[in-house]
PDB file of N, CA and C in Angstrom:
ATOM      1  N   MET A   1     -19.240  37.026   4.732  1.00  0.00           N
ATOM      2  CA  MET A   1     -17.858  36.796   5.078  1.00  0.00           C
ATOM      3  C   MET A   1     -17.554  35.300   4.935  1.00  0.00           C
ATOM      4  N   THR A   2     -16.487  34.996   4.267  1.00  0.00           N
ATOM      5  CA  THR A   2     -16.065  33.604   4.128  1.00  0.00           C
ATOM      6  C   THR A   2     -14.788  33.385   4.925  1.00  0.00           C
ATOM      7  N   THR A   3     -14.715  32.255   5.524  1.00  0.00           N
ATOM      8  CA  THR A   3     -13.525  31.900   6.292  1.00  0.00           C
ATOM      9  C   THR A   3     -12.954  30.604   5.744  1.00  0.00           C
ATOM     10  N   ASP A   4     -11.830  30.239   6.276  1.00  0.00           N
ATOM     11  CA  ASP A   4     -11.224  28.979   5.868  1.00  0.00           C
ATOM     12  C   ASP A   4     -11.996  27.776   6.408  1.00  0.00           C
ATOM     13  N   PHE A   5     -12.869  28.004   7.371  1.00  0.00           N
ATOM     14  CA  PHE A   5     -13.637  26.907   7.930  1.00  0.00           C
ATOM     15  C   PHE A   5     -14.798  26.497   7.031  1.00  0.00           C
ATOM     16  N   ASP A   6     -15.108  27.302   6.019  1.00  0.00           N
ATOM     17  CA  ASP A   6     -16.170  26.929   5.082  1.00  0.00           C
ATOM     18  C   ASP A   6     -15.796  25.683   4.290  1.00  0.00           C
ATOM     19  N   ILE A   7     -14.519  25.464   4.125  1.00  0.00           N
ATOM     20  CA  ILE A   7     -14.071  24.299   3.374  1.00  0.00           C
ATOM     21  C   ILE A   7     -14.350  23.006   4.143  1.00  0.00           C
ATOM     22  N   LEU A   8     -14.457  23.065   5.459  1.00  0.00           N
ATOM     23  CA  LEU A   8     -14.705  21.882   6.261  1.00  0.00           C
ATOM     24  C   LEU A   8     -16.142  21.389   6.147  1.00  0.00           C
ATOM     25  N   ARG A   9     -17.018  22.153   5.556  1.00  0.00           N
ATOM     26  CA  ARG A   9     -18.399  21.708   5.373  1.00  0.00           C
ATOM     27  C   ARG A   9     -18.512  20.646   4.290  1.00  0.00           C
ATOM     28  N   ASN A  10     -17.532  20.606   3.406  1.00  0.00           N
ATOM     29  CA  ASN A  10     -17.508  19.587   2.369  1.00  0.00           C
ATOM     30  C   ASN A  10     -17.086  18.267   3.012  1.00  0.00           C
ATOM     31  N   LYS A  11     -17.972  17.288   3.013  1.00  0.00           N
ATOM     32  CA  LYS A  11     -17.701  16.016   3.694  1.00  0.00           C
ATOM     33  C   LYS A  11     -16.649  15.187   2.985  1.00  0.00           C
ATOM     34  N   GLU A  12     -16.387  15.445   1.717  1.00  0.00           N
ATOM     35  CA  GLU A  12     -15.380  14.681   0.990  1.00  0.00           C
ATOM     36  C   GLU A  12     -13.975  14.943   1.498  1.00  0.00           C
ATOM     37  N   ILE A  13     -13.739  16.097   2.049  1.00  0.00           N
ATOM     38  CA  ILE A  13     -12.388  16.430   2.511  1.00  0.00           C
ATOM     39  C   ILE A  13     -12.009  15.583   3.714  1.00  0.00           C
ATOM     40  N   LEU A  14     -12.956  15.277   4.560  1.00  0.00           N
ATOM     41  CA  LEU A  14     -12.665  14.484   5.743  1.00  0.00           C
ATOM     42  C   LEU A  14     -12.791  12.991   5.494  1.00  0.00           C
ATOM     43  N   ALA A  15     -13.320  12.599   4.357  1.00  0.00           N
ATOM     44  CA  ALA A  15     -13.490  11.184   4.029  1.00  0.00           C
ATOM     45  C   ALA A  15     -12.174  10.602   3.503  1.00  0.00           C
ATOM     46  N   PRO A  16     -12.005   9.286   3.620  1.00  0.00           N
ATOM     47  CA  PRO A  16     -10.819   8.666   3.023  1.00  0.00           C
ATOM     48  C   PRO A  16     -10.781   8.883   1.514  1.00  0.00           C
ATOM     49  N   VAL A  17      -9.596   8.845   0.952  1.00  0.00           N
ATOM     50  CA  VAL A  17      -9.402   9.129  -0.472  1.00  0.00           C
ATOM     51  C   VAL A  17     -10.197   8.167  -1.347  1.00  0.00           C
ATOM     52  N   VAL A  18     -10.261   6.917  -0.962  1.00  0.00           N
ATOM     53  CA  VAL A  18     -10.912   5.925  -1.814  1.00  0.00           C
ATOM     54  C   VAL A  18     -12.416   6.138  -1.931  1.00  0.00           C
ATOM     55  N   PHE A  19     -13.014   6.939  -1.067  1.00  0.00           N
ATOM     56  CA  PHE A  19     -14.436   7.224  -1.142  1.00  0.00           C
ATOM     57  C   PHE A  19     -14.748   8.589  -1.746  1.00  0.00           C
ATOM     58  N   ARG A  20     -13.734   9.334  -2.142  1.00  0.00           N
ATOM     59  CA  ARG A  20     -13.966  10.639  -2.751  1.00  0.00           C
ATOM     60  C   ARG A  20     -14.385  10.473  -4.199  1.00  0.00           C
ATOM     61  N   SER A  21     -15.217  11.368  -4.673  1.00  0.00           N
ATOM     62  CA  SER A  21     -15.786  11.223  -6.015  1.00  0.00           C
ATOM     63  C   SER A  21     -14.733  11.348  -7.118  1.00  0.00           C
ATOM     64  N   TYR A  22     -13.744  12.223  -6.951  1.00  0.00           N
ATOM     65  CA  TYR A  22     -12.739  12.388  -8.000  1.00  0.00           C
ATOM     66  C   TYR A  22     -11.801  11.191  -8.069  1.00  0.00           C
ATOM     67  N   PHE A  23     -11.653  10.441  -6.989  1.00  0.00           N
ATOM     68  CA  PHE A  23     -10.743   9.291  -6.994  1.00  0.00           C
ATOM     69  C   PHE A  23     -11.430   8.039  -7.526  1.00  0.00           C
ATOM     70  N   ASN A  24     -12.691   7.907  -7.282  1.00  0.00           N
ATOM     71  CA  ASN A  24     -13.409   6.687  -7.639  1.00  0.00           C
ATOM     72  C   ASN A  24     -13.960   6.766  -9.061  1.00  0.00           C
ATOM     73  N   GLU A  25     -13.114   7.059 -10.010  1.00  0.00           N
ATOM     74  CA  GLU A  25     -13.494   7.109 -11.422  1.00  0.00           C
ATOM     75  C   GLU A  25     -12.697   6.100 -12.229  1.00  0.00           C
ATOM     76  N   PHE A  26     -12.208   5.050 -11.590  1.00  0.00           N
ATOM     77  CA  PHE A  26     -11.447   3.983 -12.215  1.00  0.00           C
ATOM     78  C   PHE A  26     -10.232   4.511 -12.977  1.00  0.00           C
ATOM     79  N   ARG A  27      -9.578   5.509 -12.420  1.00  0.00           N
ATOM     80  CA  ARG A  27      -8.363   6.011 -13.056  1.00  0.00           C
ATOM     81  C   ARG A  27      -7.174   5.190 -12.579  1.00  0.00           C
ATOM     82  N   ASP A  28      -6.125   5.185 -13.371  1.00  0.00           N
ATOM     83  CA  ASP A  28      -4.930   4.414 -13.045  1.00  0.00           C
ATOM     84  C   ASP A  28      -4.144   5.092 -11.935  1.00  0.00           C
ATOM     85  N   ILE A  29      -3.601   4.280 -11.035  1.00  0.00           N
ATOM     86  CA  ILE A  29      -2.690   4.785 -10.010  1.00  0.00           C
ATOM     87  C   ILE A  29      -1.389   4.006 -10.144  1.00  0.00           C
ATOM     88  N   ASN A  30      -0.310   4.619  -9.702  1.00  0.00           N
ATOM     89  CA  ASN A  30       0.975   3.928  -9.782  1.00  0.00           C
ATOM     90  C   ASN A  30       1.221   3.134  -8.499  1.00  0.00           C
ATOM     91  N   ALA A  31       2.318   2.397  -8.468  1.00  0.00           N
ATOM     92  CA  ALA A  31       2.615   1.526  -7.332  1.00  0.00           C
ATOM     93  C   ALA A  31       2.845   2.325  -6.051  1.00  0.00           C
ATOM     94  N   THR A  32       3.444   3.500  -6.159  1.00  0.00           N
ATOM     95  CA  THR A  32       3.678   4.315  -4.965  1.00  0.00           C
ATOM     96  C   THR A  32       2.364   4.767  -4.342  1.00  0.00           C
ATOM     97  N   GLN A  33       1.405   5.163  -5.163  1.00  0.00           N
ATOM     98  CA  GLN A  33       0.099   5.540  -4.633  1.00  0.00           C
ATOM     99  C   GLN A  33      -0.601   4.342  -4.010  1.00  0.00           C
ATOM    100  N   ALA A  34      -0.472   3.167  -4.624  1.00  0.00           N
ATOM    101  CA  ALA A  34      -1.101   1.965  -4.081  1.00  0.00           C
ATOM    102  C   ALA A  34      -0.508   1.598  -2.720  1.00  0.00           C
ATOM    103  N   TRP A  35       0.815   1.672  -2.589  1.00  0.00           N
ATOM    104  CA  TRP A  35       1.439   1.385  -1.304  1.00  0.00           C
ATOM    105  C   TRP A  35       1.081   2.446  -0.271  1.00  0.00           C
ATOM    106  N   SER A  36       0.970   3.693  -0.688  1.00  0.00           N
ATOM    107  CA  SER A  36       0.559   4.752   0.226  1.00  0.00           C
ATOM    108  C   SER A  36      -0.853   4.508   0.738  1.00  0.00           C
ATOM    109  N   LEU A  37      -1.751   4.102  -0.145  1.00  0.00           N
ATOM    110  CA  LEU A  37      -3.111   3.762   0.281  1.00  0.00           C
ATOM    111  C   LEU A  37      -3.104   2.565   1.226  1.00  0.00           C
ATOM    112  N   PHE A  38      -2.243   1.597   0.977  1.00  0.00           N
ATOM    113  CA  PHE A  38      -2.144   0.427   1.850  1.00  0.00           C
ATOM    114  C   PHE A  38      -1.648   0.813   3.236  1.00  0.00           C
ATOM    115  N   PHE A  39      -0.579   1.601   3.305  1.00  0.00           N
ATOM    116  CA  PHE A  39       0.007   1.972   4.599  1.00  0.00           C
ATOM    117  C   PHE A  39      -0.898   2.895   5.408  1.00  0.00           C
ATOM    118  N   THR A  40      -1.720   3.700   4.746  1.00  0.00           N
ATOM    119  CA  THR A  40      -2.596   4.623   5.472  1.00  0.00           C
ATOM    120  C   THR A  40      -4.033   4.130   5.551  1.00  0.00           C
ATOM    121  N   ALA A  41      -4.274   2.897   5.161  1.00  0.00           N
ATOM    122  CA  ALA A  41      -5.616   2.284   5.189  1.00  0.00           C
ATOM    123  C   ALA A  41      -6.605   3.077   4.340  1.00  0.00           C
ATOM    124  N   GLY A  42      -6.159   3.562   3.182  1.00  0.00           N
ATOM    125  CA  GLY A  42      -7.032   4.234   2.236  1.00  0.00           C
ATOM    126  C   GLY A  42      -7.304   5.692   2.524  1.00  0.00           C
ATOM    127  N   LYS A  43      -6.597   6.281   3.472  1.00  0.00           N
ATOM    128  CA  LYS A  43      -6.873   7.673   3.834  1.00  0.00           C
ATOM    129  C   LYS A  43      -6.150   8.687   2.967  1.00  0.00           C
ATOM    130  N   GLU A  44      -4.985   8.340   2.453  1.00  0.00           N
ATOM    131  CA  GLU A  44      -4.217   9.306   1.647  1.00  0.00           C
ATOM    132  C   GLU A  44      -3.393   8.564   0.612  1.00  0.00           C
ATOM    133  N   ASP A  45      -3.317   9.130  -0.584  1.00  0.00           N
ATOM    134  CA  ASP A  45      -2.562   8.475  -1.652  1.00  0.00           C
ATOM    135  C   ASP A  45      -1.268   9.191  -1.994  1.00  0.00           C
ATOM    136  N   LYS A  46      -0.917  10.232  -1.260  1.00  0.00           N
ATOM    137  CA  LYS A  46       0.288  10.994  -1.569  1.00  0.00           C
ATOM    138  C   LYS A  46       1.264  11.053  -0.393  1.00  0.00           C
ATOM    139  N   VAL A  47       1.115  10.162   0.575  1.00  0.00           N
ATOM    140  CA  VAL A  47       1.976  10.187   1.755  1.00  0.00           C
ATOM    141  C   VAL A  47       3.423   9.848   1.401  1.00  0.00           C
ATOM    142  N   LEU A  48       3.621   8.904   0.498  1.00  0.00           N
ATOM    143  CA  LEU A  48       4.976   8.502   0.119  1.00  0.00           C
ATOM    144  C   LEU A  48       5.580   9.393  -0.953  1.00  0.00           C
ATOM    145  N   GLY A  49       4.861  10.391  -1.391  1.00  0.00           N
ATOM    146  CA  GLY A  49       5.372  11.307  -2.387  1.00  0.00           C
ATOM    147  C   GLY A  49       5.046  10.867  -3.802  1.00  0.00           C
ATOM    148  N   PHE A  50       5.791  11.384  -4.747  1.00  0.00           N
ATOM    149  CA  PHE A  50       5.525  11.125  -6.160  1.00  0.00           C
ATOM    150  C   PHE A  50       6.652  10.343  -6.825  1.00  0.00           C
ATOM    151  N   ASN A  51       7.555   9.773  -6.041  1.00  0.00           N
ATOM    152  CA  ASN A  51       8.683   9.032  -6.582  1.00  0.00           C
ATOM    153  C   ASN A  51       8.225   7.628  -6.974  1.00  0.00           C
ATOM    154  N   ARG A  52       8.285   7.307  -8.259  1.00  0.00           N
ATOM    155  CA  ARG A  52       7.796   6.021  -8.758  1.00  0.00           C
ATOM    156  C   ARG A  52       8.691   4.860  -8.319  1.00  0.00           C
ATOM    157  N   GLU A  53       9.970   5.122  -8.070  1.00  0.00           N
ATOM    158  CA  GLU A  53      10.890   4.062  -7.681  1.00  0.00           C
ATOM    159  C   GLU A  53      10.572   3.516  -6.293  1.00  0.00           C
ATOM    160  N   LEU A  54       9.990   4.317  -5.430  1.00  0.00           N
ATOM    161  CA  LEU A  54       9.668   3.861  -4.082  1.00  0.00           C
ATOM    162  C   LEU A  54       8.606   2.765  -4.105  1.00  0.00           C
ATOM    163  N   GLY A  55       7.618   2.904  -4.956  1.00  0.00           N
ATOM    164  CA  GLY A  55       6.606   1.862  -5.101  1.00  0.00           C
ATOM    165  C   GLY A  55       7.194   0.580  -5.652  1.00  0.00           C
ATOM    166  N   GLY A  56       8.101   0.697  -6.600  1.00  0.00           N
ATOM    167  CA  GLY A  56       8.784  -0.475  -7.136  1.00  0.00           C
ATOM    168  C   GLY A  56       9.650  -1.155  -6.084  1.00  0.00           C
ATOM    169  N   PHE A  57      10.273  -0.358  -5.221  1.00  0.00           N
ATOM    170  CA  PHE A  57      11.080  -0.918  -4.138  1.00  0.00           C
ATOM    171  C   PHE A  57      10.230  -1.746  -3.195  1.00  0.00           C
ATOM    172  N   PHE A  58       9.069  -1.217  -2.761  1.00  0.00           N
ATOM    173  CA  PHE A  58       8.202  -1.965  -1.854  1.00  0.00           C
ATOM    174  C   PHE A  58       7.649  -3.226  -2.508  1.00  0.00           C
ATOM    175  N   THR A  59       7.332  -3.158  -3.798  1.00  0.00           N
ATOM    176  CA  THR A  59       6.835  -4.330  -4.508  1.00  0.00           C
ATOM    177  C   THR A  59       7.925  -5.394  -4.609  1.00  0.00           C
ATOM    178  N   THR A  60       9.139  -4.993  -4.958  1.00  0.00           N
ATOM    179  CA  THR A  60      10.258  -5.932  -5.042  1.00  0.00           C
ATOM    180  C   THR A  60      10.579  -6.513  -3.677  1.00  0.00           C
ATOM    181  N   LEU A  61      10.503  -5.702  -2.632  1.00  0.00           N
ATOM    182  CA  LEU A  61      10.754  -6.175  -1.278  1.00  0.00           C
ATOM    183  C   LEU A  61       9.721  -7.215  -0.861  1.00  0.00           C
ATOM    184  N   LEU A  62       8.465  -7.003  -1.197  1.00  0.00           N
ATOM    185  CA  LEU A  62       7.410  -7.966  -0.877  1.00  0.00           C
ATOM    186  C   LEU A  62       7.643  -9.290  -1.608  1.00  0.00           C
ATOM    187  N   ILE A  63       8.023  -9.227  -2.871  1.00  0.00           N
ATOM    188  CA  ILE A  63       8.307 -10.442  -3.634  1.00  0.00           C
ATOM    189  C   ILE A  63       9.516 -11.168  -3.054  1.00  0.00           C
ATOM    190  N   ALA A  64      10.563 -10.433  -2.695  1.00  0.00           N
ATOM    191  CA  ALA A  64      11.763 -11.044  -2.128  1.00  0.00           C
ATOM    192  C   ALA A  64      11.471 -11.720  -0.795  1.00  0.00           C
ATOM    193  N   ILE A  65      10.669 -11.082   0.053  1.00  0.00           N
ATOM    194  CA  ILE A  65      10.309 -11.684   1.340  1.00  0.00           C
ATOM    195  C   ILE A  65       9.477 -12.941   1.132  1.00  0.00           C
ATOM    196  N   SER A  66       8.583 -12.917   0.172  1.00  0.00           N
ATOM    197  CA  SER A  66       7.747 -14.087  -0.112  1.00  0.00           C
ATOM    198  C   SER A  66       8.581 -15.256  -0.628  1.00  0.00           C
ATOM    199  N   VAL A  67       9.465 -14.992  -1.581  1.00  0.00           N
ATOM    200  CA  VAL A  67      10.307 -16.058  -2.137  1.00  0.00           C
ATOM    201  C   VAL A  67      11.239 -16.609  -1.067  1.00  0.00           C
ATOM    202  N   THR A  68      11.804 -15.745  -0.248  1.00  0.00           N
ATOM    203  CA  THR A  68      12.690 -16.188   0.823  1.00  0.00           C
ATOM    204  C   THR A  68      11.929 -17.037   1.842  1.00  0.00           C
ATOM    205  N   GLY A  69      10.717 -16.625   2.190  1.00  0.00           N
ATOM    206  CA  GLY A  69       9.912 -17.399   3.137  1.00  0.00           C
ATOM    207  C   GLY A  69       9.542 -18.770   2.602  1.00  0.00           C
ATOM    208  N   ILE A  70       9.202 -18.848   1.325  1.00  0.00           N
ATOM    209  CA  ILE A  70       8.868 -20.141   0.716  1.00  0.00           C
ATOM    210  C   ILE A  70      10.105 -21.033   0.664  1.00  0.00           C
ATOM    211  N   ALA A  71      11.238 -20.486   0.235  1.00  0.00           N
ATOM    212  CA  ALA A  71      12.472 -21.268   0.174  1.00  0.00           C
ATOM    213  C   ALA A  71      12.896 -21.727   1.567  1.00  0.00           C
ATOM    214  N   TRP A  72      12.787 -20.868   2.530  1.00  0.00           N
ATOM    215  CA  TRP A  72      13.143 -21.189   3.914  1.00  0.00           C
ATOM    216  C   TRP A  72      12.267 -22.319   4.451  1.00  0.00           C
ATOM    217  N   SER A  73      10.963 -22.238   4.201  1.00  0.00           N
ATOM    218  CA  SER A  73      10.064 -23.278   4.709  1.00  0.00           C
ATOM    219  C   SER A  73      10.288 -24.606   4.000  1.00  0.00           C
ATOM    220  N   LEU A  74      10.568 -24.587   2.707  1.00  0.00           N
ATOM    221  CA  LEU A  74      10.852 -25.833   1.999  1.00  0.00           C
ATOM    222  C   LEU A  74      12.158 -26.466   2.481  1.00  0.00           C
ATOM    223  N   PHE A  75      13.158 -25.668   2.704  1.00  0.00           N
ATOM    224  CA  PHE A  75      14.443 -26.168   3.169  1.00  0.00           C
ATOM    225  C   PHE A  75      14.319 -26.775   4.556  1.00  0.00           C
ATOM    226  N   PHE A  76      13.703 -26.072   5.489  1.00  0.00           N
ATOM    227  CA  PHE A  76      13.622 -26.564   6.850  1.00  0.00           C
ATOM    228  C   PHE A  76      12.580 -27.650   7.037  1.00  0.00           C
ATOM    229  N   SER A  77      11.553 -27.696   6.196  1.00  0.00           N
ATOM    230  CA  SER A  77      10.611 -28.807   6.306  1.00  0.00           C
ATOM    231  C   SER A  77      11.284 -30.106   5.887  1.00  0.00           C
ATOM    232  N   ASN A  78      12.137 -30.081   4.884  1.00  0.00           N
ATOM    233  CA  ASN A  78      12.897 -31.259   4.475  1.00  0.00           C
ATOM    234  C   ASN A  78      13.994 -31.596   5.475  1.00  0.00           C
ATOM    235  N   PHE A  79      14.598 -30.602   6.058  1.00  0.00           N
ATOM    236  CA  PHE A  79      15.688 -30.815   7.014  1.00  0.00           C
ATOM    237  C   PHE A  79      15.184 -31.534   8.256  1.00  0.00           C
ATOM    238  N   PHE A  80      14.048 -31.077   8.802  1.00  0.00           N
ATOM    239  CA  PHE A  80      13.541 -31.681  10.018  1.00  0.00           C
ATOM    240  C   PHE A  80      12.925 -33.044   9.770  1.00  0.00           C
ATOM    241  N   SER A  81      12.349 -33.263   8.580  1.00  0.00           N
ATOM    242  CA  SER A  81      11.764 -34.575   8.316  1.00  0.00           C
ATOM    243  C   SER A  81      12.852 -35.625   8.092  1.00  0.00           C
ATOM    244  N   VAL A  82      13.980 -35.254   7.534  1.00  0.00           N
ATOM    245  CA  VAL A  82      15.086 -36.200   7.325  1.00  0.00           C
ATOM    246  C   VAL A  82      15.790 -36.490   8.641  1.00  0.00           C
ATOM    247  N   SER A  83      15.967 -35.492   9.488  1.00  0.00           N
ATOM    248  CA  SER A  83      16.702 -35.694  10.732  1.00  0.00           C
ATOM    249  C   SER A  83      15.898 -36.447  11.770  1.00  0.00           C
ATOM    250  N   SER A  84      14.580 -36.529  11.618  1.00  0.00           N
ATOM    251  CA  SER A  84      13.762 -37.218  12.619  1.00  0.00           C
ATOM    252  C   SER A  84      13.670 -38.713  12.350  1.00  0.00           C
ATOM    253  N   ILE A  85      14.212 -39.192  11.234  1.00  0.00           N
ATOM    254  CA  ILE A  85      14.151 -40.625  10.898  1.00  0.00           C
ATOM    255  C   ILE A  85      15.174 -41.403  11.679  1.00  0.00           C
TER     256      ILE A  85
END
């Protein structure tokens, strides 16, 4: 007799995705899968779905936050150094 619990004997199912044999074959992943792996700490690559635009959105958002932070720090570092003279 086979039950659905027989599938739990396979240790790969409970392991994070990045350690599974089918995933670790140097295959290409898209940005959405990469962000999904980042947000879930490598446990699942399909949490955000299969929409490619979502990965591009998170990548663009990260770049925008970085550029804004650099511009903000350059502006205020000059502002405070000039006003303290």
